[in-house]
Protein backbone atom coordinates (compact mmCIF):
# COMPACT_ATOMS: atom_id res chain seq x y z
CA MET A 1 103.16 100.04 126.61
CA GLU A 2 104.34 103.32 125.72
CA ILE A 3 107.16 104.53 123.87
CA LYS A 4 108.97 107.58 125.08
CA THR A 5 112.38 107.38 123.08
CA ALA A 6 113.43 105.02 120.22
CA GLU A 7 117.19 105.69 119.10
CA PHE A 8 119.46 103.84 116.21
CA THR A 9 122.16 102.00 118.47
CA LEU A 10 124.22 100.43 115.45
CA SER A 11 124.15 98.19 112.38
CA ALA A 12 126.10 94.88 112.43
CA PRO A 13 127.21 92.68 109.67
CA SER A 14 127.34 89.62 111.76
CA VAL A 15 125.78 88.21 115.33
CA GLY A 16 129.04 88.72 116.64
CA MET A 17 129.43 92.86 116.23
CA CYS A 18 125.93 93.33 118.31
CA PRO A 19 125.56 94.93 121.03
CA ALA A 20 127.23 93.85 123.73
CA ASP A 21 124.74 94.24 126.67
CA THR A 22 122.16 91.43 127.56
CA LYS A 23 118.69 93.65 127.22
CA PRO A 24 115.90 91.95 125.54
CA GLU A 25 115.72 91.79 121.52
CA TYR A 26 112.55 91.70 119.43
CA ALA A 27 113.39 90.80 115.91
CA PHE A 28 111.12 91.71 112.61
CA ILE A 29 111.73 89.84 109.51
CA GLY A 30 109.73 89.19 106.33
CA ARG A 31 110.06 89.06 102.86
CA SER A 32 111.20 92.18 100.80
CA ASN A 33 108.71 94.87 100.53
CA VAL A 34 106.37 93.53 103.07
CA GLY A 35 106.82 97.00 104.83
CA LYS A 36 108.98 96.30 107.45
CA SER A 37 110.54 99.66 107.93
CA SER A 38 107.17 100.99 107.77
CA LEU A 39 105.80 98.92 110.55
CA ILE A 40 108.55 99.83 112.64
CA ASN A 41 108.18 103.66 112.41
CA MET A 42 104.67 103.24 113.35
CA LEU A 43 105.49 101.02 115.97
CA CYS A 44 107.98 103.60 117.43
CA ARG A 45 106.02 106.74 115.91
CA ASN A 46 108.97 107.60 114.58
CA LYS A 47 108.88 107.84 110.55
CA LYS A 48 112.52 108.50 110.71
CA LEU A 49 114.00 105.50 112.38
CA ALA A 50 114.28 102.59 110.30
CA LYS A 51 114.41 103.72 106.41
CA THR A 52 111.47 103.43 103.92
CA SER A 53 112.24 102.91 100.54
CA ALA A 54 110.63 101.95 97.29
CA THR A 55 113.65 99.53 96.44
CA PRO A 56 112.87 96.00 97.89
CA GLY A 57 116.04 94.74 99.59
CA LYS A 58 117.77 97.89 101.19
CA THR A 59 118.57 96.65 104.84
CA MET A 60 121.46 94.43 104.24
CA LEU A 61 122.63 94.40 108.30
CA ILE A 62 121.15 93.62 111.78
CA ASN A 63 119.75 97.01 112.50
CA HIS A 64 119.15 97.79 116.41
CA PHE A 65 116.94 100.31 117.94
CA ILE A 66 117.36 100.79 121.88
CA ILE A 67 113.77 101.23 123.10
CA ASN A 68 113.21 103.46 126.41
CA ARG A 69 116.54 102.06 126.75
CA GLU A 70 115.08 98.73 127.87
CA TRP A 71 115.05 96.52 125.19
CA TYR A 72 116.28 96.30 121.72
CA LEU A 73 113.59 96.32 118.74
CA VAL A 74 115.71 94.46 115.40
CA ASP A 75 115.52 95.15 111.94
CA LEU A 76 116.50 92.17 110.05
CA PRO A 77 117.09 91.80 106.05
CA GLY A 78 114.34 90.81 104.51
CA TYR A 79 114.41 87.46 102.79
CA GLY A 80 113.42 86.20 99.00
CA TYR A 81 114.51 89.27 97.15
CA ALA A 82 115.61 88.05 93.62
CA LYS A 83 117.64 90.53 92.10
CA ARG A 84 120.39 89.38 94.38
CA SER A 85 123.37 87.22 93.27
CA LYS A 86 123.56 83.59 94.52
CA SER A 87 126.42 84.71 96.79
CA GLU A 88 125.12 87.43 98.28
CA LEU A 89 121.73 85.77 99.30
CA LYS A 90 123.63 82.90 101.10
CA LYS A 91 126.07 85.79 103.04
CA LEU A 92 122.55 87.24 104.04
CA GLU A 93 121.22 83.64 104.78
CA GLN A 94 124.17 83.12 106.98
CA MET A 95 123.88 86.30 108.88
CA ILE A 96 120.01 85.95 109.70
CA ASN A 97 120.39 82.54 110.50
CA GLY A 98 123.22 83.41 112.60
CA TYR A 99 121.42 85.92 114.73
CA ILE A 100 118.36 84.03 115.19
CA LEU A 101 119.81 80.82 116.29
CA GLN A 102 123.20 82.24 118.70
CA ARG A 103 121.55 85.62 119.57
CA GLU A 104 120.48 84.71 123.23
CA GLN A 105 118.58 88.16 123.96
CA LEU A 106 116.34 87.50 121.26
CA MET A 107 112.79 86.74 122.96
CA ASN A 108 110.69 86.96 119.58
CA VAL A 109 110.97 87.04 116.44
CA PHE A 110 108.15 89.04 114.57
CA LEU A 111 107.58 87.39 111.31
CA LEU A 112 105.98 89.86 108.96
CA VAL A 113 103.57 88.86 105.98
CA ASP A 114 101.10 90.79 103.42
CA ILE A 115 97.70 89.81 104.25
CA ARG A 116 96.90 90.35 100.59
CA LEU A 117 98.85 87.37 99.39
CA GLU A 118 97.66 83.77 99.55
CA PRO A 119 100.34 81.97 101.44
CA GLN A 120 103.46 82.10 100.30
CA LYS A 121 106.16 78.79 99.93
CA ILE A 122 109.06 81.14 101.23
CA ASP A 123 107.06 82.39 104.18
CA LEU A 124 106.26 78.78 104.79
CA GLU A 125 109.31 77.56 104.86
CA PHE A 126 111.14 79.87 107.23
CA ILE A 127 107.76 79.69 109.62
CA ASN A 128 108.69 76.01 109.49
CA TRP A 129 112.40 76.53 110.03
CA LEU A 130 111.58 78.95 113.07
CA GLY A 131 109.39 76.10 114.65
CA ALA A 132 112.19 73.25 113.84
CA SER A 133 114.69 75.46 115.64
CA SER A 134 112.68 76.01 118.36
CA VAL A 135 112.66 79.89 117.87
CA PRO A 136 109.80 81.87 119.82
CA PHE A 137 107.73 83.69 117.11
CA CYS A 138 104.70 84.89 115.93
CA ILE A 139 103.15 86.26 112.61
CA VAL A 140 102.33 90.20 112.20
CA PHE A 141 99.98 90.61 108.81
CA THR A 142 100.72 93.91 107.00
CA LYS A 143 98.89 96.40 104.66
CA ALA A 144 95.66 95.37 106.53
CA ASP A 145 94.05 98.61 105.01
CA LYS A 146 94.65 97.49 101.53
CA LEU A 147 91.69 95.13 102.20
CA THR A 148 88.23 95.04 103.36
CA ASN A 149 87.53 93.32 106.97
CA ALA A 150 85.54 90.49 105.80
CA LYS A 151 88.65 89.88 103.21
CA ILE A 152 91.03 90.08 105.77
CA GLN A 153 89.53 87.58 108.21
CA ALA A 154 88.92 85.31 104.83
CA ASN A 155 93.00 85.59 104.32
CA VAL A 156 93.66 85.10 108.34
CA ALA A 157 91.33 81.98 108.16
CA ALA A 158 93.19 80.66 104.83
CA TYR A 159 96.32 81.05 106.45
CA LYS A 160 95.65 79.36 109.74
CA ARG A 161 94.04 76.31 107.61
CA LYS A 162 97.23 76.02 105.76
CA LEU A 163 99.48 76.24 108.99
CA SER A 164 97.20 73.11 110.52
CA GLU A 165 98.56 71.34 108.10
CA THR A 166 101.76 70.78 109.67
CA TRP A 167 101.51 72.95 113.02
CA GLU A 168 99.09 71.52 116.20
CA ASP A 169 99.60 74.72 117.97
CA LEU A 170 99.56 78.15 115.62
CA PRO A 171 101.64 80.86 116.51
CA PRO A 172 100.39 84.50 117.87
CA MET A 173 99.15 86.75 115.08
CA PHE A 174 98.52 90.16 114.69
CA ILE A 175 96.94 92.16 112.04
CA THR A 176 98.27 95.44 111.30
CA SER A 177 98.36 98.86 109.14
CA SER A 178 101.13 100.87 108.85
CA ASP A 179 98.83 103.85 107.67
CA SER A 180 95.86 103.19 110.28
CA ARG A 181 98.10 102.29 113.33
CA LEU A 182 95.82 99.21 113.14
CA GLY A 183 97.51 96.35 115.88
CA ARG A 184 99.96 98.89 117.21
CA GLU A 185 99.12 98.62 120.80
CA GLU A 186 98.66 94.81 120.83
CA VAL A 187 102.03 94.12 119.47
CA LEU A 188 103.50 96.67 121.83
CA ASP A 189 101.56 94.91 124.47
CA TYR A 190 102.94 91.45 123.59
CA ILE A 191 106.24 92.95 124.02
CA ASP A 192 105.76 94.46 126.89
CA MET A 193 104.21 90.84 128.37
CA ILE A 194 107.20 89.25 127.66
CA ASN A 195 109.64 91.37 129.04
CA LYS A 196 107.88 91.65 132.19
CA SER A 197 108.21 87.56 132.14
CA VAL A 198 111.75 87.80 131.59
């Protein structure tokens, strides 16, 4: 798939404020500072599309971007940012859960995971919640350019072993790098495949 146009549509504080049309949506989410905005910008070949920041936890709203005027890429707030108050965290959790569970147009969640780290409890809990909620998702490993190929394969294998403790069928997985554009075609082809099956 080739992305010809990618435009910001709106930022919504709740699922009820999201766009009213029925185009398919693909949500991107991950822990704060996992490289979500950089990945979105890399996929769309537009460095200024999603706002990147050195400060984690900048995204506080559900951000919609219309791609090729055919489908939406949705930038969800990062989770697990420790410097928020409990009430802020609760509000964010309700907003994220509300969108993921109630948005009928949501085709797939792309869960971003930093490939340099061993499986994190907060990510595993989110993966298990998606599975228990019957939400289609896949895992996108980010920052692969920071590791050797051997280390990448070892870390992915470790993740698969960990998930296999509780999962019979593992979700699709993609290895990406925003700097080298690794994985760009694979992720976009996956979206294209789902769009064609709708």
